N, C-alpha and C. Protein backbone atom coordinates (compact mmCIF):
# COMPACT_ATOMS: atom_id res chain seq x y z
N THR A 1 6.10 -19.80 25.64
CA THR A 1 4.86 -19.55 26.25
C THR A 1 4.67 -18.03 26.35
N ILE A 2 3.29 -17.64 26.23
CA ILE A 2 2.78 -16.08 26.16
C ILE A 2 1.94 -16.13 27.56
N GLU A 3 1.99 -15.24 28.35
CA GLU A 3 1.08 -15.20 29.70
C GLU A 3 0.61 -13.81 29.61
N TYR A 4 -0.96 -14.02 29.61
CA TYR A 4 -1.64 -12.66 29.69
C TYR A 4 -2.01 -12.32 31.23
N MET A 5 -1.62 -10.91 31.63
CA MET A 5 -2.32 -10.67 33.06
C MET A 5 -1.76 -11.68 34.04
N ASN A 6 -0.95 -12.45 33.98
CA ASN A 6 -0.76 -13.53 35.06
C ASN A 6 -2.00 -14.72 34.99
N GLN A 7 -2.60 -14.74 34.04
CA GLN A 7 -3.70 -15.66 34.25
C GLN A 7 -3.75 -16.67 32.95
N GLN A 8 -3.81 -16.22 31.77
CA GLN A 8 -3.93 -17.13 30.80
C GLN A 8 -2.62 -17.40 30.18
N GLN A 9 -2.33 -18.44 29.57
CA GLN A 9 -1.05 -19.02 29.12
C GLN A 9 -1.21 -19.52 27.72
N TRP A 10 -0.73 -19.31 26.66
CA TRP A 10 -0.45 -19.96 25.48
C TRP A 10 0.77 -20.45 24.83
N GLU A 11 0.88 -21.64 24.57
CA GLU A 11 2.10 -22.35 24.02
C GLU A 11 2.42 -21.71 22.58
N GLY A 12 3.36 -21.70 22.18
CA GLY A 12 3.66 -21.19 20.72
C GLY A 12 4.73 -21.87 20.10
N LYS A 13 5.18 -21.82 19.04
CA LYS A 13 5.91 -22.50 18.39
C LYS A 13 6.97 -21.29 17.83
N ARG A 14 8.32 -21.38 18.00
CA ARG A 14 9.14 -20.46 17.47
C ARG A 14 9.34 -20.62 16.06
N ILE A 15 9.12 -19.28 15.23
CA ILE A 15 9.08 -19.53 13.87
C ILE A 15 10.78 -19.12 13.46
N LYS A 16 11.25 -19.77 12.42
CA LYS A 16 12.64 -19.29 12.11
C LYS A 16 12.45 -18.19 11.14
N LYS A 17 13.28 -17.42 11.22
CA LYS A 17 13.37 -16.18 10.09
C LYS A 17 13.64 -16.61 8.93
N PHE A 18 12.77 -15.93 8.11
CA PHE A 18 12.85 -16.41 6.47
C PHE A 18 13.43 -15.43 5.74
N ILE A 19 14.40 -15.98 5.02
CA ILE A 19 15.08 -14.94 3.95
C ILE A 19 14.74 -15.41 2.71
N ALA A 20 14.09 -14.40 2.06
CA ALA A 20 13.49 -14.61 0.48
C ALA A 20 14.48 -14.68 -0.37
N ASP A 21 14.36 -15.78 -1.39
CA ASP A 21 15.59 -15.80 -2.31
C ASP A 21 15.39 -14.72 -3.40
N LYS A 22 16.54 -14.35 -4.02
CA LYS A 22 16.70 -13.10 -4.74
C LYS A 22 15.61 -13.30 -5.94
N GLN A 23 15.43 -14.53 -6.48
CA GLN A 23 14.34 -14.56 -7.56
C GLN A 23 12.98 -14.14 -7.11
N LEU A 24 12.58 -14.58 -5.93
CA LEU A 24 11.39 -14.00 -5.58
C LEU A 24 11.34 -12.46 -5.63
N LEU A 25 12.25 -11.93 -4.80
CA LEU A 25 12.34 -10.48 -4.68
C LEU A 25 12.23 -9.93 -6.00
N LYS A 26 12.82 -10.53 -7.16
CA LYS A 26 12.92 -9.98 -8.45
C LYS A 26 11.43 -9.94 -9.04
N GLU A 27 10.95 -10.94 -8.89
CA GLU A 27 9.56 -11.04 -9.60
C GLU A 27 8.65 -10.36 -8.88
N ILE A 28 8.41 -9.61 -7.71
CA ILE A 28 7.69 -8.91 -7.24
C ILE A 28 7.97 -7.38 -7.67
N CYS A 29 9.01 -7.22 -8.45
CA CYS A 29 9.47 -5.69 -8.70
C CYS A 29 8.75 -5.37 -9.88
N GLY A 30 8.13 -4.08 -9.80
CA GLY A 30 7.44 -3.73 -11.12
C GLY A 30 6.55 -2.37 -10.78
N THR A 31 5.79 -2.10 -11.64
CA THR A 31 4.89 -0.82 -11.37
C THR A 31 3.27 -1.39 -11.15
N TYR A 32 2.91 -1.01 -9.97
CA TYR A 32 1.41 -1.29 -9.64
C TYR A 32 0.57 -0.10 -9.75
N TRP A 33 -0.53 -0.24 -10.49
CA TRP A 33 -1.53 0.98 -10.72
C TRP A 33 -2.82 0.74 -10.03
N SER A 34 -3.34 1.65 -9.28
CA SER A 34 -4.87 1.53 -8.64
C SER A 34 -5.57 2.47 -9.52
N GLN A 35 -6.54 2.08 -10.00
CA GLN A 35 -7.71 2.62 -11.06
C GLN A 35 -8.52 3.44 -9.95
N GLU A 36 -8.75 2.89 -8.62
CA GLU A 36 -9.65 3.62 -7.77
C GLU A 36 -9.04 4.88 -7.08
N LEU A 37 -7.61 4.69 -6.80
CA LEU A 37 -6.99 5.87 -6.40
C LEU A 37 -6.27 6.59 -7.56
N GLU A 38 -6.41 6.16 -8.70
CA GLU A 38 -5.42 6.82 -9.90
C GLU A 38 -4.01 7.07 -9.15
N THR A 39 -3.54 6.20 -8.75
CA THR A 39 -2.11 6.20 -8.24
C THR A 39 -1.24 4.94 -8.73
N GLN A 40 0.07 5.33 -8.55
CA GLN A 40 0.87 3.86 -8.98
C GLN A 40 1.86 4.00 -7.71
N TYR A 41 2.48 2.65 -7.57
CA TYR A 41 3.71 2.32 -6.84
C TYR A 41 4.56 1.65 -7.52
N VAL A 42 5.81 2.09 -7.27
CA VAL A 42 6.92 1.28 -7.85
C VAL A 42 7.49 0.59 -6.99
N ILE A 43 7.59 -0.98 -7.23
CA ILE A 43 8.59 -1.93 -6.01
C ILE A 43 9.78 -2.18 -6.92
N TYR A 44 10.82 -2.08 -6.26
CA TYR A 44 12.26 -2.52 -6.91
C TYR A 44 13.21 -2.89 -5.83
N LEU A 45 14.23 -3.36 -6.50
CA LEU A 45 15.36 -3.90 -5.53
C LEU A 45 16.52 -2.72 -5.37
N GLN A 46 17.02 -2.21 -4.26
CA GLN A 46 18.16 -1.51 -3.90
C GLN A 46 19.16 -2.05 -3.05
N ASP A 47 20.18 -2.44 -3.66
CA ASP A 47 21.37 -2.96 -2.47
C ASP A 47 20.91 -4.23 -1.99
N GLY A 48 19.95 -5.20 -2.89
CA GLY A 48 19.38 -6.09 -2.31
C GLY A 48 18.42 -6.33 -1.51
N LYS A 49 18.09 -5.19 -1.24
CA LYS A 49 16.52 -4.88 -0.52
C LYS A 49 15.32 -4.31 -1.23
N LEU A 50 13.91 -4.85 -0.98
CA LEU A 50 12.98 -4.54 -1.65
C LEU A 50 12.52 -3.20 -1.01
N MET A 51 12.40 -2.37 -1.83
CA MET A 51 12.01 -0.98 -1.80
C MET A 51 10.69 -0.53 -2.58
N GLY A 52 10.10 0.56 -2.00
CA GLY A 52 8.80 0.97 -2.72
C GLY A 52 9.09 2.38 -3.09
N HIS A 53 8.18 2.99 -4.01
CA HIS A 53 8.54 4.64 -4.17
C HIS A 53 6.98 4.83 -4.71
N HIS A 54 6.59 5.97 -4.09
CA HIS A 54 5.29 6.57 -4.55
C HIS A 54 5.60 8.29 -4.85
N ALA A 55 5.06 8.76 -5.79
CA ALA A 55 5.49 10.19 -6.32
C ALA A 55 5.39 11.24 -5.30
N ARG A 56 4.41 11.09 -4.56
CA ARG A 56 4.00 12.00 -3.31
C ARG A 56 4.77 11.78 -2.11
N HIS A 57 4.69 10.11 -1.64
CA HIS A 57 5.38 9.72 -0.43
C HIS A 57 6.79 9.43 -0.45
N GLY A 58 7.34 9.40 -1.69
CA GLY A 58 8.66 9.20 -1.60
C GLY A 58 9.02 7.48 -1.30
N GLU A 59 10.51 7.22 -1.09
CA GLU A 59 10.87 6.07 -0.92
C GLU A 59 10.49 5.48 0.54
N PHE A 60 10.27 4.00 0.47
CA PHE A 60 9.90 3.29 1.64
C PHE A 60 10.53 1.94 1.33
N SER A 61 10.78 1.26 2.64
CA SER A 61 11.35 -0.06 2.81
C SER A 61 9.84 -1.13 2.67
N ILE A 62 10.44 -2.41 2.12
CA ILE A 62 9.38 -3.37 2.10
C ILE A 62 9.95 -4.75 2.83
N ARG A 63 9.50 -5.32 3.24
CA ARG A 63 10.00 -6.53 4.32
C ARG A 63 8.87 -7.79 3.58
N TYR A 64 9.77 -8.89 3.09
CA TYR A 64 9.08 -10.17 2.90
C TYR A 64 8.50 -10.76 4.37
N VAL A 65 7.24 -11.25 4.49
CA VAL A 65 6.89 -11.80 5.51
C VAL A 65 6.80 -13.30 5.10
N HIS A 66 5.98 -13.85 4.58
CA HIS A 66 5.95 -15.41 3.91
C HIS A 66 5.23 -15.43 2.94
N ASP A 67 5.20 -16.72 2.16
CA ASP A 67 4.43 -17.12 1.06
C ASP A 67 4.43 -15.83 0.07
N ASN A 68 3.04 -15.21 -0.34
CA ASN A 68 3.08 -14.24 -1.02
C ASN A 68 2.60 -12.83 -0.35
N GLU A 69 2.97 -12.71 0.72
CA GLU A 69 2.93 -11.66 1.87
C GLU A 69 3.92 -10.77 2.06
N PHE A 70 3.75 -9.46 2.17
CA PHE A 70 4.56 -8.32 2.51
C PHE A 70 4.19 -7.20 3.43
N ASN A 71 5.17 -6.68 3.91
CA ASN A 71 4.78 -5.49 4.80
C ASN A 71 5.83 -4.28 4.50
N GLY A 72 5.03 -3.05 4.24
CA GLY A 72 5.68 -1.91 3.85
C GLY A 72 5.99 -1.20 5.27
N LYS A 73 7.00 -0.23 5.22
CA LYS A 73 7.26 0.36 6.55
C LYS A 73 6.17 1.55 6.43
N PRO A 74 5.75 2.37 5.77
CA PRO A 74 4.78 3.22 6.17
C PRO A 74 3.26 2.85 6.31
N SER A 75 2.61 3.85 6.87
CA SER A 75 1.20 3.16 7.13
C SER A 75 0.16 3.07 6.35
N PHE A 76 0.62 3.92 5.25
CA PHE A 76 -0.44 3.84 3.87
C PHE A 76 -0.32 2.39 3.22
N PHE A 77 0.93 1.79 3.34
CA PHE A 77 1.31 0.68 2.64
C PHE A 77 1.56 -0.48 3.25
N ASN A 78 0.92 -0.53 4.36
CA ASN A 78 1.26 -1.47 5.73
C ASN A 78 1.65 -3.04 5.59
N PHE A 79 0.65 -3.32 4.47
CA PHE A 79 0.59 -4.80 4.33
C PHE A 79 0.06 -5.17 2.93
N PHE A 80 0.70 -5.91 2.19
CA PHE A 80 0.16 -6.29 0.73
C PHE A 80 0.43 -7.70 0.61
N LYS A 81 -0.34 -8.46 -0.17
CA LYS A 81 -0.30 -9.81 -0.85
C LYS A 81 -0.42 -9.85 -2.34
N VAL A 82 0.44 -10.54 -2.78
CA VAL A 82 0.60 -10.88 -4.21
C VAL A 82 -0.40 -11.93 -4.90
N GLU A 83 -1.09 -11.33 -5.88
CA GLU A 83 -2.06 -12.31 -6.52
C GLU A 83 -1.08 -12.74 -7.99
N ARG A 84 -1.51 -13.83 -8.12
CA ARG A 84 -0.78 -14.50 -9.34
C ARG A 84 -1.98 -15.22 -10.09
N ASN A 85 -1.57 -15.57 -11.21
CA ASN A 85 -2.52 -16.12 -12.25
C ASN A 85 -2.10 -17.70 -12.50
N LYS A 86 -2.77 -18.59 -13.11
CA LYS A 86 -2.57 -19.88 -13.05
C LYS A 86 -1.10 -20.26 -13.34
N SER A 87 -0.55 -19.40 -14.40
CA SER A 87 0.88 -19.63 -14.75
C SER A 87 1.88 -19.22 -13.68
N GLY A 88 1.25 -18.66 -12.60
CA GLY A 88 2.32 -18.08 -11.72
C GLY A 88 2.94 -16.74 -11.76
N ASN A 89 2.43 -15.85 -12.63
CA ASN A 89 2.87 -14.60 -12.95
C ASN A 89 1.98 -13.80 -12.06
N ILE A 90 2.90 -12.77 -11.85
CA ILE A 90 2.10 -11.69 -10.72
C ILE A 90 1.13 -10.80 -11.78
N THR A 91 -0.20 -10.87 -11.29
CA THR A 91 -1.27 -9.96 -11.80
C THR A 91 -1.40 -8.54 -11.12
N GLY A 92 -1.02 -8.60 -9.80
CA GLY A 92 -1.15 -7.45 -8.91
C GLY A 92 -1.09 -7.63 -7.42
N ILE A 93 -1.51 -6.63 -6.62
CA ILE A 93 -1.17 -6.81 -5.42
C ILE A 93 -2.38 -6.40 -4.56
N TYR A 94 -2.78 -6.77 -3.55
CA TYR A 94 -4.10 -6.19 -2.64
C TYR A 94 -3.54 -5.62 -1.36
N VAL A 95 -3.46 -4.47 -1.23
CA VAL A 95 -3.05 -3.34 -0.13
C VAL A 95 -4.12 -3.21 0.86
N THR A 96 -3.52 -3.68 2.32
CA THR A 96 -4.47 -3.50 3.44
C THR A 96 -3.83 -2.36 4.44
N ASN A 97 -4.37 -1.42 4.80
CA ASN A 97 -3.91 -0.78 5.88
C ASN A 97 -4.95 -0.35 7.01
N SER A 98 -4.76 0.64 7.79
CA SER A 98 -5.82 0.70 8.82
C SER A 98 -7.21 1.43 8.08
N ARG A 99 -7.25 1.86 7.04
CA ARG A 99 -8.19 2.57 6.21
C ARG A 99 -8.91 1.90 5.40
N VAL A 100 -8.27 0.98 4.84
CA VAL A 100 -8.66 0.14 3.68
C VAL A 100 -8.36 -1.46 3.72
N ARG A 101 -8.97 -2.25 3.24
CA ARG A 101 -8.47 -3.67 3.04
C ARG A 101 -8.79 -4.09 1.53
N ASP A 102 -7.74 -4.86 1.38
CA ASP A 102 -7.79 -5.49 -0.13
C ASP A 102 -7.88 -4.60 -1.12
N LEU A 103 -7.15 -3.40 -1.25
CA LEU A 103 -7.43 -2.41 -2.39
C LEU A 103 -6.33 -2.94 -3.49
N TRP A 104 -6.98 -3.24 -4.60
CA TRP A 104 -6.28 -3.70 -5.96
C TRP A 104 -5.37 -2.79 -6.50
N PHE A 105 -4.19 -3.35 -6.75
CA PHE A 105 -3.24 -2.55 -7.66
C PHE A 105 -2.89 -3.46 -8.86
N LYS A 106 -3.06 -3.10 -9.75
CA LYS A 106 -2.56 -4.19 -11.19
C LYS A 106 -1.03 -3.73 -11.60
N ASN A 107 -0.69 -4.97 -11.65
CA ASN A 107 0.84 -4.91 -12.10
C ASN A 107 0.55 -4.51 -13.84
N GLU A 108 1.54 -3.34 -14.00
CA GLU A 108 1.65 -2.84 -15.12
C GLU A 108 2.63 -3.31 -15.93
N GLU A 109 3.51 -4.25 -15.65
CA GLU A 109 4.71 -4.71 -16.36
C GLU A 109 4.20 -5.76 -17.47
């Protein structure tokens, strides 16, 4: 139960922590290019953890949320969702943060 200012209450359902399987994490690995920003991010596995890298910003951690959605630790790569084609292959990602919504990064692999 969540209570707001001792007045309203909302009932909620506890969600179990989801641990992504290694195959899913491997699938997301690759290089993603934004034509609009003319920049790329590389997503890779390091010691079983999903990581990202940008030439100027360096290395950062990425956490699987659910389905095809992920969170990045830095504010510029705060949230992204994976786009797949009909065959299930990853075509790219849509990045959202405080300054942009659904910025397209194409999978270069």
